[in-house]
C-alpha cells in the first residue's frame, strides 16, 4: 500500500525558510515523478513543483520560481521542498503527490505552512 507522509511545516515569519519532506513507502520510489501541491483556504489545490525520477527535470509554478527548490533522495525514498523568502501568500496546506500510470494517484495527509508576522 502506497503511503506518503509529509513533515516540516510550521509557522514562519515573512522572509523565512522551511524545508518540507515527504517520505514514501509501498512503491519503487525511483520509478516515479514526484509532485508538491498546496491548497490555501478557499482556493483550489495548485501544483507547486515537480521532479522527475532522477531529478533531471524540475518544474515550478511561476509564483514560487526562484524561491522554492524541489529535490529528492532515491536512497531514502524522500522528496523535499526547500522554501525560501516565504511570503504570506505561501500560507497553505502542502501535499506530496505521486501518480502511478494505470493505477492512480496518491496523496499524503498534508502539512500546514503558515507565513505570518
Protein backbone atom coordinates (compact mmCIF):
# COMPACT_ATOMS: atom_id res chain seq x y z
CA UNK A 1 0.00 0.00 0.00
CA UNK A 2 1.38 3.37 -1.03
CA UNK A 3 1.92 5.85 1.78
CA UNK A 4 3.19 9.42 1.60
CA UNK A 5 4.00 11.18 4.86
CA UNK A 6 4.80 14.89 4.84
CA UNK A 7 6.62 16.75 7.59
CA UNK A 8 8.40 20.03 8.21
CA UNK A 9 5.54 22.51 8.14
CA UNK A 10 5.07 25.20 10.75
CA UNK A 11 4.78 28.88 11.48
CA UNK A 12 7.41 31.17 9.98
CA UNK A 13 7.78 34.91 9.54
CA UNK A 14 7.76 36.52 6.09
CA UNK A 15 11.18 36.17 4.52
CA UNK A 16 11.90 33.00 6.44
CA UNK A 17 12.57 29.46 5.26
CA UNK A 18 11.20 25.97 5.76
CA UNK A 19 12.08 22.58 4.34
CA UNK A 20 9.30 20.10 3.78
CA UNK A 21 9.92 16.38 3.50
CA UNK A 22 7.76 13.61 2.09
CA UNK A 23 8.66 10.02 2.89
CA UNK A 24 7.21 7.45 0.50
CA UNK A 25 6.64 3.74 1.01
CA UNK A 26 4.85 0.93 -0.80
CA UNK A 27 6.24 1.75 -4.23
CA UNK A 28 9.53 1.74 -6.11
CA UNK A 29 10.17 5.40 -5.42
CA UNK A 30 12.86 5.94 -8.03
CA UNK A 31 10.45 4.96 -10.82
CA UNK A 32 8.10 7.91 -10.35
CA UNK A 33 7.89 11.63 -10.87
CA UNK A 34 7.00 13.34 -7.60
CA UNK A 35 4.94 16.46 -7.06
CA UNK A 36 4.26 19.03 -4.38
CA UNK A 37 0.86 20.73 -4.34
CA UNK A 38 -0.63 23.28 -1.98
CA UNK A 39 -4.12 24.41 -1.07
CA UNK A 40 -4.88 27.71 0.60
CA UNK A 41 -8.18 28.35 2.38
CA UNK A 42 -10.96 28.95 -0.12
CA UNK A 43 -8.74 28.18 -3.10
CA UNK A 44 -8.23 25.21 -5.37
CA UNK A 45 -5.29 22.90 -4.92
CA UNK A 46 -2.41 24.01 -7.13
CA UNK A 47 0.73 22.32 -8.40
CA UNK A 48 3.82 23.90 -6.86
CA UNK A 49 6.74 21.80 -8.08
CA UNK A 50 7.59 18.59 -9.93
CA UNK A 51 10.73 16.48 -10.09
CA UNK A 52 11.34 13.60 -12.48
CA UNK A 53 12.74 10.21 -11.50
CA UNK A 54 16.45 11.04 -11.42
CA UNK A 55 15.93 14.69 -10.68
CA UNK A 56 17.00 15.72 -14.15
CA UNK A 57 13.91 17.82 -14.81
CA UNK A 58 12.36 20.28 -12.38
CA UNK A 59 9.30 22.41 -12.89
CA UNK A 60 7.83 25.14 -10.73
CA UNK A 61 4.74 27.30 -10.54
CA UNK A 62 5.51 30.86 -11.56
CA UNK A 63 4.58 32.05 -8.10
CA UNK A 64 7.44 30.12 -6.46
CA UNK A 65 10.18 30.20 -9.10
CA UNK A 66 13.48 31.40 -7.68
CA UNK A 67 12.30 30.85 -4.09
CA UNK A 68 11.44 27.14 -3.84
CA UNK A 69 13.62 24.17 -4.72
CA UNK A 70 12.40 20.60 -5.12
CA UNK A 71 14.83 17.72 -4.70
CA UNK A 72 14.79 14.01 -3.99
CA UNK A 73 16.88 11.29 -2.41
CA UNK A 74 16.01 7.99 -4.03
CA UNK A 75 18.07 6.07 -1.49
CA UNK A 76 15.83 7.46 1.27
CA UNK A 77 12.57 7.35 -0.71
CA UNK A 78 12.10 11.01 0.14
CA UNK A 79 11.26 14.18 -1.76
CA UNK A 80 11.94 17.63 -0.35
CA UNK A 81 10.71 21.15 -0.89
CA UNK A 82 13.06 23.89 0.26
CA UNK A 83 11.10 27.11 0.63
CA UNK A 84 12.98 30.38 0.97
CA UNK A 85 11.87 34.01 1.05
CA UNK A 86 8.46 32.92 2.19
CA UNK A 87 5.51 35.25 1.70
CA UNK A 88 2.16 35.43 3.44
CA UNK A 89 0.56 34.18 0.25
CA UNK A 90 2.52 30.93 0.58
CA UNK A 91 0.32 30.03 3.55
CA UNK A 92 -1.39 26.75 2.70
CA UNK A 93 -1.52 23.05 3.38
CA UNK A 94 1.24 21.41 1.33
CA UNK A 95 0.71 17.95 -0.11
CA UNK A 96 3.01 15.37 -1.61
CA UNK A 97 1.65 13.51 -4.64
CA UNK A 98 2.62 10.67 -6.93
CA UNK A 99 0.79 9.29 -9.94
CA UNK A 100 1.27 5.67 -10.90
CA UNK A 101 0.22 5.22 -14.54
CA UNK A 102 -2.73 2.85 -14.97
CA UNK A 103 -3.08 2.62 -11.19
CA UNK A 104 -3.93 6.04 -9.86
CA UNK A 105 -2.74 8.98 -7.80
CA UNK A 106 -1.79 9.10 -4.15
CA UNK A 107 -1.70 11.95 -1.64
CA UNK A 108 -0.16 12.49 1.73
CA UNK A 109 -2.10 13.90 4.65
CA UNK A 110 -0.63 17.36 4.15
CA UNK A 111 1.47 19.66 6.30
CA UNK A 112 0.40 23.17 7.28
CA UNK A 113 2.66 26.09 6.39
CA UNK A 114 1.72 29.43 7.90
CA UNK A 115 3.65 32.57 7.00
CA UNK A 116 2.78 35.39 9.36
CA UNK A 117 4.41 38.09 11.42
